[in-house]
Amino acid sequence: MKKTKSFLLLFLGAVFIASAQYGMNTGSKVILKSGDLKTIKSEKTIKVEYDYSNIKVGAFNSEAEYIDKKVKEYNAKEKGKGDKWKEGWINARKDRYEPKFKELYNKGGQKLGQSIDESTSGTKYTLIVKTTFIEPGYNIGISKKPAFVNFEFVFVETANPSTVVCELYLNNVMGSQGMGFDYDVGSRVAESYAKAGKMLMAYILKSK
């Protein structure tokens, strides 16, 4: 019984320390790189696209290197497990990350009467959400590290994508769920996308 209580106290202490460490403000903020948002603010509907073509993951130089390593590790433990993991990693973009970004962007956009959508046609501008870095993080119960994602946001003319209206970036967007129920990497990264959508719209609302 004493051992059980000691373990429980140790576990709760570790969770508390992790929550305090990773729940603090990371200082991430939207930075305007070029252009202005005046014309963007007046639009009611904006098309959105997502770009995953140049991502670094953790300590790896490319997403491809990270995926290759994880696939080999999982397949070595159980045949086909790595291939299934890879499918889940890629599908999380459409199934989890993009819906979260759009949901929070549009929720804040209600104040402007503005929304983004992938299927919108005839829009004057398109928002390209570029993911440039992902730190997957981890959660093993007694210890955890949140996900962190870096983004670039590029607003272009839909009819002439080479014409950039404005560029912004946002780094170190932390992704972690309350109460520590984020054992799956997809759930952590999805929270980063949700926060990114919310923070980008908040910046647009405050811009002059």
Protein backbone atom coordinates (compact mmCIF):
# COMPACT_ATOMS: atom_id res chain seq x y z
CA MET A 1 0.00 0.00 0.00
CA LYS A 2 2.84 2.39 0.90
CA LYS A 3 4.57 1.65 -2.40
CA THR A 4 1.33 2.34 -4.26
CA LYS A 5 0.86 5.67 -2.50
CA SER A 6 4.48 6.66 -3.10
CA PHE A 7 4.17 5.86 -6.80
CA LEU A 8 0.93 7.81 -7.04
CA LEU A 9 2.49 10.84 -5.39
CA LEU A 10 5.52 10.58 -7.67
CA PHE A 11 3.26 10.31 -10.71
CA LEU A 12 1.12 13.29 -9.71
CA GLY A 13 4.22 15.33 -8.95
CA ALA A 14 5.70 14.59 -12.33
CA VAL A 15 2.46 15.51 -14.07
CA PHE A 16 2.26 18.77 -12.11
CA ILE A 17 5.86 19.70 -12.98
CA ALA A 18 5.31 18.88 -16.64
CA SER A 19 2.09 20.89 -16.72
CA ALA A 20 3.79 23.87 -15.11
CA GLN A 21 6.75 23.64 -17.45
CA TYR A 22 4.81 23.28 -20.67
CA GLY A 23 1.68 25.17 -19.75
CA MET A 24 3.52 28.46 -19.52
CA ASN A 25 3.39 31.09 -22.23
CA THR A 26 5.92 30.16 -24.92
CA GLY A 27 6.03 33.70 -26.27
CA SER A 28 4.83 32.67 -29.73
CA LYS A 29 3.22 35.48 -31.70
CA VAL A 30 2.23 36.33 -35.24
CA ILE A 31 4.78 38.48 -37.06
CA LEU A 32 4.01 40.44 -40.22
CA LYS A 33 6.87 39.85 -42.67
CA SER A 34 5.63 41.95 -45.59
CA GLY A 35 2.55 43.68 -47.00
CA ASP A 36 -0.53 44.67 -45.01
CA LEU A 37 -3.89 43.17 -44.07
CA LYS A 38 -6.20 46.04 -44.98
CA THR A 39 -7.59 44.41 -48.10
CA ILE A 40 -7.73 41.01 -46.42
CA LYS A 41 -9.89 42.31 -43.58
CA SER A 42 -12.58 43.49 -45.96
CA GLU A 43 -13.03 40.07 -47.59
CA LYS A 44 -15.91 37.84 -46.53
CA THR A 45 -14.63 34.59 -47.99
CA ILE A 46 -11.04 33.47 -48.55
CA LYS A 47 -9.86 30.24 -50.10
CA VAL A 48 -7.38 28.25 -48.03
CA GLU A 49 -4.65 25.85 -49.13
CA TYR A 50 -2.12 23.91 -47.07
CA ASP A 51 1.52 23.40 -47.99
CA TYR A 52 3.54 20.56 -46.40
CA SER A 53 6.29 20.44 -49.01
CA ASN A 54 9.16 21.69 -46.87
CA ILE A 55 8.86 20.46 -43.29
CA LYS A 56 11.54 19.68 -40.76
CA VAL A 57 10.56 17.36 -37.91
CA GLY A 58 12.31 17.43 -34.56
CA ALA A 59 16.05 16.91 -35.01
CA PHE A 60 15.60 15.61 -38.56
CA ASN A 61 16.45 17.69 -41.61
CA SER A 62 13.28 16.65 -43.39
CA GLU A 63 9.93 15.06 -42.75
CA ALA A 64 10.89 12.24 -45.11
CA GLU A 65 13.84 11.28 -42.88
CA TYR A 66 11.62 11.27 -39.80
CA ILE A 67 8.94 9.14 -41.47
CA ASP A 68 11.49 6.67 -42.80
CA LYS A 69 13.01 6.17 -39.34
CA LYS A 70 9.64 5.72 -37.62
CA VAL A 71 8.40 3.27 -40.26
CA LYS A 72 11.51 1.10 -39.91
CA GLU A 73 11.33 1.16 -36.10
CA TYR A 74 7.66 0.20 -35.95
CA ASN A 75 7.92 -2.45 -38.67
CA ALA A 76 10.84 -4.03 -36.83
CA LYS A 77 8.58 -4.47 -33.78
CA GLU A 78 5.53 -5.65 -35.70
CA LYS A 79 5.12 -6.29 -39.40
CA GLY A 80 3.02 -3.60 -41.06
CA LYS A 81 2.83 -1.40 -37.97
CA GLY A 82 5.18 1.18 -39.46
CA ASP A 83 3.22 1.40 -42.69
CA LYS A 84 0.02 1.89 -40.72
CA TRP A 85 1.70 4.60 -38.63
CA LYS A 86 2.82 6.42 -41.80
CA GLU A 87 -0.71 6.34 -43.18
CA GLY A 88 -2.01 7.86 -39.95
CA TRP A 89 0.72 10.54 -39.93
CA ILE A 90 -0.18 11.70 -43.45
CA ASN A 91 -3.96 11.39 -43.07
CA ALA A 92 -3.91 13.49 -39.90
CA ARG A 93 -3.39 16.53 -42.09
CA LYS A 94 -6.80 16.34 -43.75
CA ASP A 95 -8.59 14.58 -40.92
CA ARG A 96 -7.35 16.56 -37.91
CA TYR A 97 -4.99 19.47 -38.52
CA GLU A 98 -6.74 21.35 -41.29
CA PRO A 99 -10.24 21.11 -39.77
CA LYS A 100 -8.88 22.42 -36.46
CA PHE A 101 -7.14 25.38 -38.10
CA LYS A 102 -10.22 26.30 -40.12
CA GLU A 103 -12.58 25.89 -37.18
CA LEU A 104 -10.70 28.30 -34.92
CA TYR A 105 -9.94 30.80 -37.70
CA ASN A 106 -13.60 30.91 -38.68
CA LYS A 107 -14.78 31.13 -35.09
CA GLY A 108 -12.77 34.30 -34.58
CA GLY A 109 -13.65 35.48 -38.07
CA GLN A 110 -17.31 35.78 -37.12
CA LYS A 111 -16.45 39.23 -35.77
CA LEU A 112 -15.39 40.24 -39.29
CA GLY A 113 -18.00 38.17 -41.05
CA GLN A 114 -15.08 36.35 -42.68
CA SER A 115 -14.41 32.65 -43.23
CA ILE A 116 -11.96 30.39 -45.03
CA ASP A 117 -12.74 27.22 -46.95
CA GLU A 118 -10.86 24.84 -49.26
CA SER A 119 -13.62 24.45 -51.83
CA THR A 120 -14.47 28.12 -52.22
CA SER A 121 -14.29 29.30 -55.84
CA GLY A 122 -14.28 32.81 -57.23
CA THR A 123 -12.54 34.27 -54.18
CA LYS A 124 -10.24 37.23 -54.65
CA TYR A 125 -7.60 35.97 -52.22
CA THR A 126 -6.16 32.64 -51.13
CA LEU A 127 -4.48 31.91 -47.82
CA ILE A 128 -1.62 29.42 -48.07
CA VAL A 129 -0.82 27.82 -44.70
CA LYS A 130 2.74 26.54 -44.83
CA THR A 131 3.99 24.20 -42.13
CA THR A 132 7.75 24.56 -41.80
CA PHE A 133 8.58 22.68 -38.59
CA ILE A 134 6.96 20.11 -36.30
CA GLU A 135 8.20 18.97 -32.92
CA PRO A 136 5.94 15.94 -32.24
CA GLY A 137 6.51 15.90 -28.48
CA TYR A 138 5.54 12.90 -26.36
CA ASN A 139 3.40 11.77 -23.44
CA ILE A 140 4.39 8.65 -21.48
CA GLY A 141 2.23 9.35 -18.45
CA ILE A 142 4.82 10.37 -15.87
CA SER A 143 6.58 12.67 -18.32
CA LYS A 144 5.43 14.68 -21.30
CA LYS A 145 6.54 17.23 -23.84
CA PRO A 146 4.02 19.17 -25.94
CA ALA A 147 4.16 19.50 -29.70
CA PHE A 148 5.45 22.70 -31.28
CA VAL A 149 4.73 23.81 -34.84
CA ASN A 150 6.09 26.68 -36.96
CA PHE A 151 3.95 28.28 -39.66
CA GLU A 152 4.14 30.72 -42.53
CA PHE A 153 0.93 32.37 -43.75
CA VAL A 154 0.90 33.75 -47.28
CA PHE A 155 -2.08 35.64 -48.72
CA VAL A 156 -2.00 35.70 -52.53
CA GLU A 157 -4.30 36.74 -55.34
CA THR A 158 -6.31 33.67 -56.29
CA ALA A 159 -6.20 34.49 -60.01
CA ASN A 160 -2.46 35.31 -59.86
CA PRO A 161 -0.82 33.21 -57.09
CA SER A 162 2.56 34.80 -57.79
CA THR A 163 1.16 38.11 -56.54
CA VAL A 164 1.66 38.13 -52.78
CA VAL A 165 -0.54 40.48 -50.76
CA CYS A 166 1.11 39.84 -47.41
CA GLU A 167 3.24 37.30 -45.56
CA LEU A 168 3.25 36.43 -41.88
CA TYR A 169 4.88 33.80 -39.72
CA LEU A 170 4.21 32.21 -36.38
CA ASN A 171 6.70 30.01 -34.53
CA ASN A 172 6.62 27.72 -31.51
CA VAL A 173 2.88 27.16 -31.37
CA MET A 174 2.47 24.72 -28.51
CA GLY A 175 0.07 21.80 -28.77
CA SER A 176 -1.02 19.98 -25.64
CA GLN A 177 -4.38 18.90 -24.26
CA GLY A 178 -5.63 19.61 -20.76
CA MET A 179 -5.39 16.88 -18.11
CA GLY A 180 -2.62 15.23 -20.12
CA PHE A 181 -4.87 13.13 -22.38
CA ASP A 182 -2.73 13.63 -25.48
CA TYR A 183 -0.81 10.36 -25.78
CA ASP A 184 -1.34 10.35 -29.54
CA VAL A 185 0.97 12.68 -31.50
CA GLY A 186 -1.90 13.68 -33.79
CA SER A 187 -3.91 15.09 -30.91
CA ARG A 188 -0.99 17.24 -29.78
CA VAL A 189 -0.17 18.59 -33.23
CA ALA A 190 -3.86 19.22 -33.94
CA GLU A 191 -3.94 21.57 -30.95
CA SER A 192 -1.05 23.54 -32.47
CA TYR A 193 -3.07 24.01 -35.65
CA ALA A 194 -6.12 25.06 -33.67
CA LYS A 195 -4.11 27.68 -31.80
CA ALA A 196 -2.49 28.88 -35.02
CA GLY A 197 -5.87 29.51 -36.62
CA LYS A 198 -7.06 31.36 -33.55
CA MET A 199 -3.89 33.46 -33.25
CA LEU A 200 -3.82 34.41 -36.94
CA MET A 201 -7.40 35.66 -36.87
CA ALA A 202 -6.78 37.50 -33.59
CA TYR A 203 -3.86 39.28 -35.27
CA ILE A 204 -5.99 40.17 -38.30
CA LEU A 205 -8.71 41.58 -36.05
CA LYS A 206 -6.21 43.83 -34.27
CA SER A 207 -4.45 45.00 -37.43
CA LYS A 208 -5.16 48.47 -38.80
